[in-house]
C-alpha atoms as a PDB file:
ATOM      1  CA  MET A   1     -50.056 -10.703  11.987  1.00  0.00           C
ATOM      2  CA  LYS A   2     -50.155  -7.145  13.273  1.00  0.00           C
ATOM      3  CA  THR A   3     -53.177  -6.180  15.373  1.00  0.00           C
ATOM      4  CA  ASP A   4     -54.084  -2.521  15.465  1.00  0.00           C
ATOM      5  CA  ILE A   5     -55.472  -0.640  18.443  1.00  0.00           C
ATOM      6  CA  TYR A   6     -59.086  -1.017  17.315  1.00  0.00           C
ATOM      7  CA  ASP A   7     -58.801  -4.794  17.070  1.00  0.00           C
ATOM      8  CA  ARG A   8     -57.122  -5.046  20.463  1.00  0.00           C
ATOM      9  CA  TRP A   9     -59.913  -2.918  21.932  1.00  0.00           C
ATOM     10  CA  TRP A  10     -62.560  -5.427  20.895  1.00  0.00           C
ATOM     11  CA  ILE A  11     -60.479  -8.494  21.721  1.00  0.00           C
ATOM     12  CA  GLU A  12     -60.039  -7.205  25.250  1.00  0.00           C
ATOM     13  CA  GLU A  13     -63.523  -5.720  25.352  1.00  0.00           C
ATOM     14  CA  LYS A  14     -64.565  -6.319  28.966  1.00  0.00           C
ATOM     15  CA  GLU A  15     -61.337  -5.020  30.482  1.00  0.00           C
ATOM     16  CA  ASN A  16     -61.364  -1.974  28.241  1.00  0.00           C
ATOM     17  CA  GLU A  17     -65.023  -1.238  28.899  1.00  0.00           C
ATOM     18  CA  ASP A  18     -64.388  -1.298  32.649  1.00  0.00           C
ATOM     19  CA  SER A  19     -61.316   0.877  32.204  1.00  0.00           C
ATOM     20  CA  MET A  20     -63.232   3.345  30.057  1.00  0.00           C
ATOM     21  CA  GLU A  21     -65.928   3.635  32.708  1.00  0.00           C
ATOM     22  CA  LYS A  22     -63.401   4.660  35.367  1.00  0.00           C
ATOM     23  CA  GLN A  23     -61.708   7.133  33.048  1.00  0.00           C
ATOM     24  CA  HIS A  24     -64.950   8.856  32.053  1.00  0.00           C
ATOM     25  CA  HIS A  25     -66.413   9.708  35.478  1.00  0.00           C
ATOM     26  CA  HIS A  26     -64.910  13.210  35.387  1.00  0.00           C
ATOM     27  CA  PHE A  27     -66.439  13.920  31.970  1.00  0.00           C
ATOM     28  CA  TRP A  28     -69.788  12.435  32.942  1.00  0.00           C
ATOM     29  CA  ASN A  29     -69.950  14.665  36.025  1.00  0.00           C
ATOM     30  CA  LYS A  30     -69.183  17.696  33.868  1.00  0.00           C
ATOM     31  CA  LEU A  31     -71.938  16.736  31.429  1.00  0.00           C
ATOM     32  CA  ILE A  32     -74.435  16.243  34.257  1.00  0.00           C
ATOM     33  CA  SER A  33     -73.536  19.672  35.661  1.00  0.00           C
ATOM     34  CA  TYR A  34     -74.698  21.296  32.395  1.00  0.00           C
ATOM     35  CA  ILE A  35     -78.208  19.883  32.702  1.00  0.00           C
ATOM     36  CA  ASP A  36     -80.409  22.604  34.160  1.00  0.00           C
ATOM     37  CA  LYS A  37     -82.818  20.490  36.136  1.00  0.00           C
ATOM     38  CA  GLU A  38     -83.000  19.962  39.884  1.00  0.00           C
ATOM     39  CA  ASN A  39     -85.762  17.383  40.229  1.00  0.00           C
ATOM     40  CA  TRP A  40     -85.518  14.315  37.995  1.00  0.00           C
ATOM     41  CA  GLU A  41     -87.887  11.987  39.872  1.00  0.00           C
ATOM     42  CA  ASP A  42     -90.748  12.307  37.350  1.00  0.00           C
ATOM     43  CA  ASN A  43     -88.580  12.212  34.234  1.00  0.00           C
ATOM     44  CA  TYR A  44     -87.441   9.668  31.692  1.00  0.00           C
ATOM     45  CA  VAL A  45     -83.946   9.292  30.276  1.00  0.00           C
ATOM     46  CA  LEU A  46     -83.394   8.058  26.728  1.00  0.00           C
ATOM     47  CA  ASP A  47     -80.278   5.896  26.437  1.00  0.00           C
ATOM     48  CA  PHE A  48     -78.672   6.039  23.005  1.00  0.00           C
ATOM     49  CA  GLY A  49     -75.093   5.551  24.108  1.00  0.00           C
ATOM     50  CA  CYS A  50     -72.545   2.819  24.225  1.00  0.00           C
ATOM     51  CA  ASN A  51     -70.517   1.023  26.897  1.00  0.00           C
ATOM     52  CA  GLN A  52     -72.270  -1.167  29.457  1.00  0.00           C
ATOM     53  CA  GLY A  53     -74.861   1.298  30.674  1.00  0.00           C
ATOM     54  CA  ALA A  54     -72.273   2.790  32.995  1.00  0.00           C
ATOM     55  CA  PHE A  55     -73.222   6.398  32.301  1.00  0.00           C
ATOM     56  CA  LEU A  56     -76.864   5.667  33.142  1.00  0.00           C
ATOM     57  CA  ARG A  57     -75.911   3.997  36.412  1.00  0.00           C
ATOM     58  CA  HIS A  58     -73.692   6.961  37.243  1.00  0.00           C
ATOM     59  CA  LEU A  59     -76.430   9.426  36.298  1.00  0.00           C
ATOM     60  CA  TYR A  60     -78.991   7.566  38.403  1.00  0.00           C
ATOM     61  CA  LEU A  61     -76.737   7.810  41.449  1.00  0.00           C
ATOM     62  CA  LYS A  62     -76.477  11.579  40.918  1.00  0.00           C
ATOM     63  CA  LYS A  63     -80.036  12.311  39.736  1.00  0.00           C
ATOM     64  CA  ASN A  64     -82.678   9.779  40.659  1.00  0.00           C
ATOM     65  CA  PHE A  65     -84.926   9.618  37.585  1.00  0.00           C
ATOM     66  CA  LEU A  66     -88.133   7.661  37.033  1.00  0.00           C
ATOM     67  CA  ARG A  67     -87.294   5.421  34.102  1.00  0.00           C
ATOM     68  CA  VAL A  68     -84.891   4.680  31.259  1.00  0.00           C
ATOM     69  CA  SER A  69     -86.062   4.217  27.669  1.00  0.00           C
ATOM     70  CA  GLU A  70     -83.709   2.230  25.456  1.00  0.00           C
END
């Protein structure tokens, strides 16, 4: 039985999720650089993404925000 790329992605989910996180840091930093806001301490962030919450953890390290709404 032939397994396509999509099926392999979900079979090996954890490894691929971790790999994706490492590969996306450059893009996440670029995205964060487009946000015109210096002080995030009193702000909320709405999470509507995928992965394991890696972007939010990365964002929090760069811009310390008050709270995440899921």
